[in-house]
Amino acid sequence: MTDNANYYLDITSDACPMTFVRTKLLVERMAAGETLEVRLKGSEPLLNVPKSVAELGHHIISLTPEEAEGTTGIHRLLIRKAQ
């Protein structure tokens, strides 16, 4: 977990569309300006979750592989809720 994130969500075991649903529900409960780190895995969530969050007007701060080599396929998405 990133030290500067206000919230953390692990959706590595979820399938689409639940990956985005769980992310959206948590973002809706956050205050403007707060951050959420989402741990995700798989090509569909990796493509759809950041895209859908951005379409709602929130800021994607970063999307990085969990390991430097990226061998696990797990990524960490850092989101800032829009004002």
PDB file of N, CA and C in Angstrom:
ATOM      1  N   MET A   1       0.841  -1.194   0.000  1.00  0.00           N
ATOM      2  CA  MET A   1       0.000   0.000   0.000  1.00  0.00           C
ATOM      3  C   MET A   1       0.874   1.241   0.000  1.00  0.00           C
ATOM      4  N   THR A   2       0.504   2.228  -0.787  1.00  0.00           N
ATOM      5  CA  THR A   2       1.222   3.486  -0.827  1.00  0.00           C
ATOM      6  C   THR A   2       0.957   4.253   0.457  1.00  0.00           C
ATOM      7  N   ASP A   3       2.007   4.816   1.033  1.00  0.00           N
ATOM      8  CA  ASP A   3       1.874   5.525   2.302  1.00  0.00           C
ATOM      9  C   ASP A   3       0.966   6.747   2.222  1.00  0.00           C
ATOM     10  N   ASN A   4       0.885   7.365   1.055  1.00  0.00           N
ATOM     11  CA  ASN A   4       0.125   8.615   0.969  1.00  0.00           C
ATOM     12  C   ASN A   4      -1.322   8.435   0.518  1.00  0.00           C
ATOM     13  N   ALA A   5      -1.787   7.213   0.301  1.00  0.00           N
ATOM     14  CA  ALA A   5      -3.176   6.991  -0.100  1.00  0.00           C
ATOM     15  C   ALA A   5      -4.086   7.011   1.127  1.00  0.00           C
ATOM     16  N   ASN A   6      -5.247   7.629   0.987  1.00  0.00           N
ATOM     17  CA  ASN A   6      -6.230   7.651   2.076  1.00  0.00           C
ATOM     18  C   ASN A   6      -6.979   6.331   2.187  1.00  0.00           C
ATOM     19  N   TYR A   7      -7.158   5.646   1.063  1.00  0.00           N
ATOM     20  CA  TYR A   7      -7.925   4.398   1.022  1.00  0.00           C
ATOM     21  C   TYR A   7      -7.180   3.370   0.187  1.00  0.00           C
ATOM     22  N   TYR A   8      -7.489   2.106   0.432  1.00  0.00           N
ATOM     23  CA  TYR A   8      -6.853   1.001  -0.284  1.00  0.00           C
ATOM     24  C   TYR A   8      -7.924  -0.015  -0.653  1.00  0.00           C
ATOM     25  N   LEU A   9      -7.865  -0.532  -1.888  1.00  0.00           N
ATOM     26  CA  LEU A   9      -8.818  -1.529  -2.350  1.00  0.00           C
ATOM     27  C   LEU A   9      -8.077  -2.570  -3.183  1.00  0.00           C
ATOM     28  N   ASP A  10      -8.261  -3.841  -2.835  1.00  0.00           N
ATOM     29  CA  ASP A  10      -7.644  -4.938  -3.584  1.00  0.00           C
ATOM     30  C   ASP A  10      -8.746  -5.641  -4.382  1.00  0.00           C
ATOM     31  N   ILE A  11      -8.683  -5.506  -5.705  1.00  0.00           N
ATOM     32  CA  ILE A  11      -9.692  -6.136  -6.571  1.00  0.00           C
ATOM     33  C   ILE A  11      -9.053  -7.209  -7.455  1.00  0.00           C
ATOM     34  N   THR A  12      -7.909  -7.742  -7.021  1.00  0.00           N
ATOM     35  CA  THR A  12      -7.193  -8.728  -7.837  1.00  0.00           C
ATOM     36  C   THR A  12      -7.971 -10.022  -8.017  1.00  0.00           C
ATOM     37  N   SER A  13      -8.870 -10.342  -7.098  1.00  0.00           N
ATOM     38  CA  SER A  13      -9.628 -11.595  -7.222  1.00  0.00           C
ATOM     39  C   SER A  13     -11.017 -11.385  -7.824  1.00  0.00           C
ATOM     40  N   ASP A  14     -11.360 -10.150  -8.185  1.00  0.00           N
ATOM     41  CA  ASP A  14     -12.676  -9.842  -8.760  1.00  0.00           C
ATOM     42  C   ASP A  14     -12.629  -9.874 -10.283  1.00  0.00           C
ATOM     43  N   ALA A  15     -13.790 -10.111 -10.886  1.00  0.00           N
ATOM     44  CA  ALA A  15     -13.922 -10.098 -12.342  1.00  0.00           C
ATOM     45  C   ALA A  15     -14.745  -8.881 -12.769  1.00  0.00           C
ATOM     46  N   CYS A  16     -14.518  -8.433 -13.993  1.00  0.00           N
ATOM     47  CA  CYS A  16     -15.330  -7.344 -14.544  1.00  0.00           C
ATOM     48  C   CYS A  16     -16.773  -7.815 -14.638  1.00  0.00           C
ATOM     49  N   PRO A  17     -17.764  -6.995 -14.365  1.00  0.00           N
ATOM     50  CA  PRO A  17     -17.675  -5.568 -14.090  1.00  0.00           C
ATOM     51  C   PRO A  17     -17.505  -5.234 -12.607  1.00  0.00           C
ATOM     52  N   MET A  18     -17.380  -6.231 -11.743  1.00  0.00           N
ATOM     53  CA  MET A  18     -17.271  -5.956 -10.305  1.00  0.00           C
ATOM     54  C   MET A  18     -16.027  -5.157  -9.951  1.00  0.00           C
ATOM     55  N   THR A  19     -14.973  -5.255 -10.760  1.00  0.00           N
ATOM     56  CA  THR A  19     -13.768  -4.490 -10.472  1.00  0.00           C
ATOM     57  C   THR A  19     -14.083  -2.996 -10.466  1.00  0.00           C
ATOM     58  N   PHE A  20     -14.799  -2.532 -11.477  1.00  0.00           N
ATOM     59  CA  PHE A  20     -15.143  -1.114 -11.530  1.00  0.00           C
ATOM     60  C   PHE A  20     -16.228  -0.770 -10.516  1.00  0.00           C
ATOM     61  N   VAL A  21     -17.204  -1.637 -10.323  1.00  0.00           N
ATOM     62  CA  VAL A  21     -18.293  -1.371  -9.375  1.00  0.00           C
ATOM     63  C   VAL A  21     -17.728  -1.140  -7.975  1.00  0.00           C
ATOM     64  N   ARG A  22     -16.853  -2.020  -7.532  1.00  0.00           N
ATOM     65  CA  ARG A  22     -16.263  -1.872  -6.195  1.00  0.00           C
ATOM     66  C   ARG A  22     -15.437  -0.590  -6.089  1.00  0.00           C
ATOM     67  N   THR A  23     -14.695  -0.272  -7.149  1.00  0.00           N
ATOM     68  CA  THR A  23     -13.891   0.946  -7.160  1.00  0.00           C
ATOM     69  C   THR A  23     -14.783   2.177  -7.098  1.00  0.00           C
ATOM     70  N   LYS A  24     -15.816   2.203  -7.930  1.00  0.00           N
ATOM     71  CA  LYS A  24     -16.725   3.353  -7.992  1.00  0.00           C
ATOM     72  C   LYS A  24     -17.433   3.573  -6.659  1.00  0.00           C
ATOM     73  N   LEU A  25     -17.889   2.495  -6.022  1.00  0.00           N
ATOM     74  CA  LEU A  25     -18.588   2.632  -4.744  1.00  0.00           C
ATOM     75  C   LEU A  25     -17.685   3.239  -3.672  1.00  0.00           C
ATOM     76  N   LEU A  26     -16.424   2.855  -3.664  1.00  0.00           N
ATOM     77  CA  LEU A  26     -15.512   3.424  -2.679  1.00  0.00           C
ATOM     78  C   LEU A  26     -15.197   4.881  -2.995  1.00  0.00           C
ATOM     79  N   VAL A  27     -14.970   5.204  -4.255  1.00  0.00           N
ATOM     80  CA  VAL A  27     -14.693   6.588  -4.642  1.00  0.00           C
ATOM     81  C   VAL A  27     -15.866   7.490  -4.264  1.00  0.00           C
ATOM     82  N   GLU A  28     -17.085   7.006  -4.420  1.00  0.00           N
ATOM     83  CA  GLU A  28     -18.267   7.805  -4.080  1.00  0.00           C
ATOM     84  C   GLU A  28     -18.316   8.160  -2.594  1.00  0.00           C
ATOM     85  N   ARG A  29     -17.743   7.321  -1.745  1.00  0.00           N
ATOM     86  CA  ARG A  29     -17.745   7.581  -0.303  1.00  0.00           C
ATOM     87  C   ARG A  29     -16.605   8.500   0.142  1.00  0.00           C
ATOM     88  N   MET A  30     -15.656   8.743  -0.740  1.00  0.00           N
ATOM     89  CA  MET A  30     -14.494   9.564  -0.408  1.00  0.00           C
ATOM     90  C   MET A  30     -14.824  11.051  -0.512  1.00  0.00           C
ATOM     91  N   ALA A  31     -14.039  11.856   0.209  1.00  0.00           N
ATOM     92  CA  ALA A  31     -14.152  13.316   0.101  1.00  0.00           C
ATOM     93  C   ALA A  31     -13.318  13.776  -1.095  1.00  0.00           C
ATOM     94  N   ALA A  32     -13.686  14.903  -1.672  1.00  0.00           N
ATOM     95  CA  ALA A  32     -12.931  15.470  -2.792  1.00  0.00           C
ATOM     96  C   ALA A  32     -11.480  15.679  -2.373  1.00  0.00           C
ATOM     97  N   GLY A  33     -10.566  15.303  -3.264  1.00  0.00           N
ATOM     98  CA  GLY A  33      -9.144  15.469  -3.000  1.00  0.00           C
ATOM     99  C   GLY A  33      -8.487  14.280  -2.320  1.00  0.00           C
ATOM    100  N   GLU A  34      -9.277  13.351  -1.775  1.00  0.00           N
ATOM    101  CA  GLU A  34      -8.702  12.170  -1.152  1.00  0.00           C
ATOM    102  C   GLU A  34      -8.228  11.200  -2.227  1.00  0.00           C
ATOM    103  N   THR A  35      -7.314  10.302  -1.841  1.00  0.00           N
ATOM    104  CA  THR A  35      -6.733   9.374  -2.794  1.00  0.00           C
ATOM    105  C   THR A  35      -7.075   7.933  -2.443  1.00  0.00           C
ATOM    106  N   LEU A  36      -7.109   7.131  -3.483  1.00  0.00           N
ATOM    107  CA  LEU A  36      -7.402   5.705  -3.369  1.00  0.00           C
ATOM    108  C   LEU A  36      -6.356   4.930  -4.148  1.00  0.00           C
ATOM    109  N   GLU A  37      -5.780   3.923  -3.509  1.00  0.00           N
ATOM    110  CA  GLU A  37      -4.889   3.007  -4.210  1.00  0.00           C
ATOM    111  C   GLU A  37      -5.647   1.718  -4.474  1.00  0.00           C
ATOM    112  N   VAL A  38      -5.712   1.330  -5.733  1.00  0.00           N
ATOM    113  CA  VAL A  38      -6.415   0.114  -6.139  1.00  0.00           C
ATOM    114  C   VAL A  38      -5.387  -0.878  -6.652  1.00  0.00           C
ATOM    115  N   ARG A  39      -5.437  -2.064  -6.117  1.00  0.00           N
ATOM    116  CA  ARG A  39      -4.554  -3.158  -6.567  1.00  0.00           C
ATOM    117  C   ARG A  39      -5.387  -3.999  -7.523  1.00  0.00           C
ATOM    118  N   LEU A  40      -4.941  -4.110  -8.781  1.00  0.00           N
ATOM    119  CA  LEU A  40      -5.734  -4.811  -9.789  1.00  0.00           C
ATOM    120  C   LEU A  40      -4.870  -5.739 -10.628  1.00  0.00           C
ATOM    121  N   LYS A  41      -5.544  -6.691 -11.267  1.00  0.00           N
ATOM    122  CA  LYS A  41      -4.842  -7.703 -12.069  1.00  0.00           C
ATOM    123  C   LYS A  41      -5.703  -8.106 -13.252  1.00  0.00           C
ATOM    124  N   GLY A  42      -5.062  -8.335 -14.377  1.00  0.00           N
ATOM    125  CA  GLY A  42      -5.777  -8.796 -15.566  1.00  0.00           C
ATOM    126  C   GLY A  42      -5.936  -7.690 -16.586  1.00  0.00           C
ATOM    127  N   SER A  43      -5.998  -8.077 -17.855  1.00  0.00           N
ATOM    128  CA  SER A  43      -6.044  -7.085 -18.928  1.00  0.00           C
ATOM    129  C   SER A  43      -7.321  -6.247 -18.917  1.00  0.00           C
ATOM    130  N   GLU A  44      -8.471  -6.881 -18.645  1.00  0.00           N
ATOM    131  CA  GLU A  44      -9.730  -6.123 -18.635  1.00  0.00           C
ATOM    132  C   GLU A  44      -9.764  -5.063 -17.544  1.00  0.00           C
ATOM    133  N   PRO A  45      -9.510  -5.419 -16.271  1.00  0.00           N
ATOM    134  CA  PRO A  45      -9.498  -4.385 -15.228  1.00  0.00           C
ATOM    135  C   PRO A  45      -8.424  -3.326 -15.476  1.00  0.00           C
ATOM    136  N   LEU A  46      -7.277  -3.739 -15.984  1.00  0.00           N
ATOM    137  CA  LEU A  46      -6.182  -2.815 -16.236  1.00  0.00           C
ATOM    138  C   LEU A  46      -6.565  -1.758 -17.268  1.00  0.00           C
ATOM    139  N   LEU A  47      -7.367  -2.139 -18.226  1.00  0.00           N
ATOM    140  CA  LEU A  47      -7.837  -1.210 -19.252  1.00  0.00           C
ATOM    141  C   LEU A  47      -9.074  -0.436 -18.790  1.00  0.00           C
ATOM    142  N   ASN A  48     -10.059  -1.159 -18.253  1.00  0.00           N
ATOM    143  CA  ASN A  48     -11.370  -0.560 -17.983  1.00  0.00           C
ATOM    144  C   ASN A  48     -11.462   0.280 -16.719  1.00  0.00           C
ATOM    145  N   VAL A  49     -10.832  -0.124 -15.631  1.00  0.00           N
ATOM    146  CA  VAL A  49     -10.979   0.622 -14.378  1.00  0.00           C
ATOM    147  C   VAL A  49     -10.402   2.035 -14.495  1.00  0.00           C
ATOM    148  N   PRO A  50      -9.143   2.205 -14.934  1.00  0.00           N
ATOM    149  CA  PRO A  50      -8.631   3.584 -15.063  1.00  0.00           C
ATOM    150  C   PRO A  50      -9.442   4.424 -16.044  1.00  0.00           C
ATOM    151  N   LYS A  51      -9.834   3.825 -17.163  1.00  0.00           N
ATOM    152  CA  LYS A  51     -10.608   4.553 -18.174  1.00  0.00           C
ATOM    153  C   LYS A  51     -11.952   5.009 -17.613  1.00  0.00           C
ATOM    154  N   SER A  52     -12.648   4.121 -16.929  1.00  0.00           N
ATOM    155  CA  SER A  52     -13.963   4.445 -16.375  1.00  0.00           C
ATOM    156  C   SER A  52     -13.877   5.483 -15.263  1.00  0.00           C
ATOM    157  N   VAL A  53     -12.863   5.371 -14.418  1.00  0.00           N
ATOM    158  CA  VAL A  53     -12.669   6.348 -13.340  1.00  0.00           C
ATOM    159  C   VAL A  53     -12.391   7.731 -13.937  1.00  0.00           C
ATOM    160  N   ALA A  54     -11.544   7.792 -14.961  1.00  0.00           N
ATOM    161  CA  ALA A  54     -11.240   9.067 -15.619  1.00  0.00           C
ATOM    162  C   ALA A  54     -12.477   9.651 -16.298  1.00  0.00           C
ATOM    163  N   GLU A  55     -13.318   8.790 -16.886  1.00  0.00           N
ATOM    164  CA  GLU A  55     -14.544   9.270 -17.531  1.00  0.00           C
ATOM    165  C   GLU A  55     -15.504   9.901 -16.523  1.00  0.00           C
ATOM    166  N   LEU A  56     -15.406   9.487 -15.259  1.00  0.00           N
ATOM    167  CA  LEU A  56     -16.228  10.091 -14.205  1.00  0.00           C
ATOM    168  C   LEU A  56     -15.645  11.416 -13.721  1.00  0.00           C
ATOM    169  N   GLY A  57     -14.479  11.784 -14.250  1.00  0.00           N
ATOM    170  CA  GLY A  57     -13.884  13.069 -13.927  1.00  0.00           C
ATOM    171  C   GLY A  57     -12.816  13.032 -12.845  1.00  0.00           C
ATOM    172  N   HIS A  58     -12.458  11.852 -12.378  1.00  0.00           N
ATOM    173  CA  HIS A  58     -11.432  11.743 -11.340  1.00  0.00           C
ATOM    174  C   HIS A  58     -10.054  11.681 -11.989  1.00  0.00           C
ATOM    175  N   HIS A  59      -9.035  11.990 -11.201  1.00  0.00           N
ATOM    176  CA  HIS A  59      -7.668  12.086 -11.722  1.00  0.00           C
ATOM    177  C   HIS A  59      -6.898  10.794 -11.475  1.00  0.00           C
ATOM    178  N   ILE A  60      -6.326  10.240 -12.536  1.00  0.00           N
ATOM    179  CA  ILE A  60      -5.450   9.075 -12.421  1.00  0.00           C
ATOM    180  C   ILE A  60      -4.048   9.613 -12.163  1.00  0.00           C
ATOM    181  N   ILE A  61      -3.544   9.375 -10.962  1.00  0.00           N
ATOM    182  CA  ILE A  61      -2.214   9.863 -10.593  1.00  0.00           C
ATOM    183  C   ILE A  61      -1.138   8.949 -11.178  1.00  0.00           C
ATOM    184  N   SER A  62      -1.334   7.643 -11.027  1.00  0.00           N
ATOM    185  CA  SER A  62      -0.343   6.711 -11.557  1.00  0.00           C
ATOM    186  C   SER A  62      -0.958   5.329 -11.731  1.00  0.00           C
ATOM    187  N   LEU A  63      -0.325   4.560 -12.604  1.00  0.00           N
ATOM    188  CA  LEU A  63      -0.661   3.162 -12.817  1.00  0.00           C
ATOM    189  C   LEU A  63       0.663   2.452 -13.047  1.00  0.00           C
ATOM    190  N   THR A  64       1.090   1.670 -12.054  1.00  0.00           N
ATOM    191  CA  THR A  64       2.414   1.061 -12.118  1.00  0.00           C
ATOM    192  C   THR A  64       2.356  -0.418 -11.762  1.00  0.00           C
ATOM    193  N   PRO A  65       3.255  -1.206 -12.361  1.00  0.00           N
ATOM    194  CA  PRO A  65       3.334  -2.620 -11.983  1.00  0.00           C
ATOM    195  C   PRO A  65       3.768  -2.732 -10.525  1.00  0.00           C
ATOM    196  N   GLU A  66       3.227  -3.716  -9.830  1.00  0.00           N
ATOM    197  CA  GLU A  66       3.567  -3.905  -8.425  1.00  0.00           C
ATOM    198  C   GLU A  66       5.037  -4.287  -8.266  1.00  0.00           C
ATOM    199  N   GLU A  67       5.542  -5.111  -9.166  1.00  0.00           N
ATOM    200  CA  GLU A  67       6.947  -5.506  -9.153  1.00  0.00           C
ATOM    201  C   GLU A  67       7.654  -4.839 -10.320  1.00  0.00           C
ATOM    202  N   ALA A  68       8.912  -4.546 -10.138  1.00  0.00           N
ATOM    203  CA  ALA A  68       9.684  -3.866 -11.181  1.00  0.00           C
ATOM    204  C   ALA A  68       9.650  -4.635 -12.503  1.00  0.00           C
ATOM    205  N   GLU A  69       9.666  -5.959 -12.425  1.00  0.00           N
ATOM    206  CA  GLU A  69       9.659  -6.766 -13.644  1.00  0.00           C
ATOM    207  C   GLU A  69       8.258  -6.943 -14.209  1.00  0.00           C
ATOM    208  N   GLY A  70       7.239  -6.679 -13.399  1.00  0.00           N
ATOM    209  CA  GLY A  70       5.865  -6.847 -13.845  1.00  0.00           C
ATOM    210  C   GLY A  70       5.463  -8.293 -14.051  1.00  0.00           C
ATOM    211  N   THR A  71       6.149  -9.230 -13.399  1.00  0.00           N
ATOM    212  CA  THR A  71       5.908 -10.656 -13.632  1.00  0.00           C
ATOM    213  C   THR A  71       4.599 -11.159 -13.048  1.00  0.00           C
ATOM    214  N   THR A  72       4.074 -10.516 -12.020  1.00  0.00           N
ATOM    215  CA  THR A  72       2.835 -10.990 -11.398  1.00  0.00           C
ATOM    216  C   THR A  72       1.600 -10.533 -12.152  1.00  0.00           C
ATOM    217  N   GLY A  73       1.730  -9.507 -12.968  1.00  0.00           N
ATOM    218  CA  GLY A  73       0.581  -8.948 -13.670  1.00  0.00           C
ATOM    219  C   GLY A  73      -0.267  -8.044 -12.796  1.00  0.00           C
ATOM    220  N   ILE A  74       0.152  -7.858 -11.555  1.00  0.00           N
ATOM    221  CA  ILE A  74      -0.592  -6.992 -10.625  1.00  0.00           C
ATOM    222  C   ILE A  74      -0.073  -5.566 -10.762  1.00  0.00           C
ATOM    223  N   HIS A  75      -1.019  -4.627 -10.837  1.00  0.00           N
ATOM    224  CA  HIS A  75      -0.684  -3.214 -10.940  1.00  0.00           C
ATOM    225  C   HIS A  75      -1.332  -2.456  -9.785  1.00  0.00           C
ATOM    226  N   ARG A  76      -0.790  -1.281  -9.527  1.00  0.00           N
ATOM    227  CA  ARG A  76      -1.347  -0.387  -8.511  1.00  0.00           C
ATOM    228  C   ARG A  76      -1.772   0.908  -9.185  1.00  0.00           C
ATOM    229  N   LEU A  77      -3.033   1.227  -8.999  1.00  0.00           N
ATOM    230  CA  LEU A  77      -3.641   2.410  -9.598  1.00  0.00           C
ATOM    231  C   LEU A  77      -3.898   3.408  -8.482  1.00  0.00           C
ATOM    232  N   LEU A  78      -3.390   4.620  -8.641  1.00  0.00           N
ATOM    233  CA  LEU A  78      -3.600   5.675  -7.648  1.00  0.00           C
ATOM    234  C   LEU A  78      -4.539   6.714  -8.233  1.00  0.00           C
ATOM    235  N   ILE A  79      -5.650   6.956  -7.531  1.00  0.00           N
ATOM    236  CA  ILE A  79      -6.725   7.838  -8.011  1.00  0.00           C
ATOM    237  C   ILE A  79      -6.909   8.980  -7.022  1.00  0.00           C
ATOM    238  N   ARG A  80      -7.143  10.188  -7.531  1.00  0.00           N
ATOM    239  CA  ARG A  80      -7.537  11.319  -6.678  1.00  0.00           C
ATOM    240  C   ARG A  80      -8.955  11.697  -7.058  1.00  0.00           C
ATOM    241  N   LYS A  81      -9.831  11.754  -6.037  1.00  0.00           N
ATOM    242  CA  LYS A  81     -11.225  12.102  -6.300  1.00  0.00           C
ATOM    243  C   LYS A  81     -11.331  13.570  -6.726  1.00  0.00           C
ATOM    244  N   ALA A  82     -12.137  13.816  -7.731  1.00  0.00           N
ATOM    245  CA  ALA A  82     -12.342  15.163  -8.253  1.00  0.00           C
ATOM    246  C   ALA A  82     -12.984  16.069  -7.208  1.00  0.00           C
ATOM    247  N   GLN A  83     -12.707  17.342  -7.360  1.00  0.00           N
ATOM    248  CA  GLN A  83     -13.256  18.349  -6.432  1.00  0.00           C
ATOM    249  C   GLN A  83     -14.742  18.512  -6.606  1.00  0.00           C
TER     250      GLN A  83
END
